[in-house]
C-alpha atoms as a PDB file:
ATOM      1  CA  UNK A   1      18.418   4.760 -66.853  1.00  0.00           C
ATOM      2  CA  UNK A   2      18.726   1.948 -64.316  1.00  0.00           C
ATOM      3  CA  UNK A   3      22.283   0.969 -63.466  1.00  0.00           C
ATOM      4  CA  UNK A   4      23.194  -2.726 -63.556  1.00  0.00           C
ATOM      5  CA  UNK A   5      24.631  -2.586 -60.037  1.00  0.00           C
ATOM      6  CA  UNK A   6      21.326  -1.199 -58.755  1.00  0.00           C
ATOM      7  CA  UNK A   7      19.460  -4.162 -60.203  1.00  0.00           C
ATOM      8  CA  UNK A   8      22.019  -6.587 -58.754  1.00  0.00           C
ATOM      9  CA  UNK A   9      21.772  -4.946 -55.346  1.00  0.00           C
ATOM     10  CA  UNK A  10      17.990  -5.154 -55.460  1.00  0.00           C
ATOM     11  CA  UNK A  11      18.136  -8.863 -56.320  1.00  0.00           C
ATOM     12  CA  UNK A  12      20.497  -9.525 -53.395  1.00  0.00           C
ATOM     13  CA  UNK A  13      18.179  -7.555 -51.086  1.00  0.00           C
ATOM     14  CA  UNK A  14      15.122  -9.549 -52.170  1.00  0.00           C
ATOM     15  CA  UNK A  15      16.981 -12.861 -51.757  1.00  0.00           C
ATOM     16  CA  UNK A  16      18.184 -11.881 -48.278  1.00  0.00           C
ATOM     17  CA  UNK A  17      14.690 -10.817 -47.186  1.00  0.00           C
ATOM     18  CA  UNK A  18      13.330 -14.130 -48.481  1.00  0.00           C
ATOM     19  CA  UNK A  19      16.012 -16.019 -46.526  1.00  0.00           C
ATOM     20  CA  UNK A  20      15.302 -14.086 -43.310  1.00  0.00           C
ATOM     21  CA  UNK A  21      11.542 -14.665 -43.567  1.00  0.00           C
ATOM     22  CA  UNK A  22      12.168 -18.354 -44.199  1.00  0.00           C
ATOM     23  CA  UNK A  23      14.542 -18.558 -41.234  1.00  0.00           C
ATOM     24  CA  UNK A  24      11.893 -16.990 -38.983  1.00  0.00           C
ATOM     25  CA  UNK A  25       9.387 -19.586 -40.164  1.00  0.00           C
ATOM     26  CA  UNK A  26      11.707 -22.532 -39.637  1.00  0.00           C
ATOM     27  CA  UNK A  27      11.522 -24.959 -36.767  1.00  0.00           C
ATOM     28  CA  UNK A  28      15.138 -24.291 -35.738  1.00  0.00           C
ATOM     29  CA  UNK A  29      15.986 -23.168 -32.216  1.00  0.00           C
ATOM     30  CA  UNK A  30      16.049 -19.450 -31.430  1.00  0.00           C
ATOM     31  CA  UNK A  31      19.840 -19.465 -31.169  1.00  0.00           C
ATOM     32  CA  UNK A  32      20.292 -21.036 -34.602  1.00  0.00           C
ATOM     33  CA  UNK A  33      17.798 -18.591 -36.104  1.00  0.00           C
ATOM     34  CA  UNK A  34      19.742 -15.646 -34.706  1.00  0.00           C
ATOM     35  CA  UNK A  35      23.048 -16.994 -36.016  1.00  0.00           C
ATOM     36  CA  UNK A  36      21.647 -17.549 -39.509  1.00  0.00           C
ATOM     37  CA  UNK A  37      20.018 -14.116 -39.622  1.00  0.00           C
ATOM     38  CA  UNK A  38      23.262 -12.449 -38.515  1.00  0.00           C
ATOM     39  CA  UNK A  39      25.170 -14.392 -41.186  1.00  0.00           C
ATOM     40  CA  UNK A  40      22.725 -13.338 -43.912  1.00  0.00           C
ATOM     41  CA  UNK A  41      22.817  -9.689 -42.809  1.00  0.00           C
ATOM     42  CA  UNK A  42      26.596  -9.401 -42.388  1.00  0.00           C
ATOM     43  CA  UNK A  43      27.508 -11.462 -45.474  1.00  0.00           C
ATOM     44  CA  UNK A  44      24.619 -10.840 -47.870  1.00  0.00           C
ATOM     45  CA  UNK A  45      25.702 -12.950 -50.848  1.00  0.00           C
ATOM     46  CA  UNK A  46      27.810 -15.591 -49.080  1.00  0.00           C
ATOM     47  CA  UNK A  47      25.328 -15.821 -46.199  1.00  0.00           C
ATOM     48  CA  UNK A  48      22.464 -16.398 -48.622  1.00  0.00           C
ATOM     49  CA  UNK A  49      24.375 -19.110 -50.489  1.00  0.00           C
ATOM     50  CA  UNK A  50      25.354 -20.837 -47.245  1.00  0.00           C
ATOM     51  CA  UNK A  51      21.749 -20.640 -46.056  1.00  0.00           C
ATOM     52  CA  UNK A  52      20.547 -22.239 -49.303  1.00  0.00           C
ATOM     53  CA  UNK A  53      22.936 -25.152 -48.790  1.00  0.00           C
ATOM     54  CA  UNK A  54      23.010 -25.647 -45.008  1.00  0.00           C
ATOM     55  CA  UNK A  55      20.311 -23.474 -43.448  1.00  0.00           C
ATOM     56  CA  UNK A  56      17.016 -24.309 -41.815  1.00  0.00           C
ATOM     57  CA  UNK A  57      13.936 -24.387 -44.012  1.00  0.00           C
ATOM     58  CA  UNK A  58      10.531 -22.964 -43.261  1.00  0.00           C
ATOM     59  CA  UNK A  59       8.058 -25.457 -41.890  1.00  0.00           C
ATOM     60  CA  UNK A  60       5.695 -26.666 -44.589  1.00  0.00           C
ATOM     61  CA  UNK A  61       2.015 -26.200 -43.899  1.00  0.00           C
ATOM     62  CA  UNK A  62       0.037 -29.386 -43.805  1.00  0.00           C
ATOM     63  CA  UNK A  63      -2.738 -29.598 -46.307  1.00  0.00           C
END
């Protein structure tokens, strides 16, 4: 049987990976990218929430 904490941990992991990929794709400077990635890695839940509110977004592809 799958434990609830395992599912919660997996969701946090997926959200953090999504945030890191989005940070890499953003147009922010290299220094800001590093700071945001460190924040997301060291503070997985809080870092993700802060990134959602204040962080750089991935550049949208023109179409």
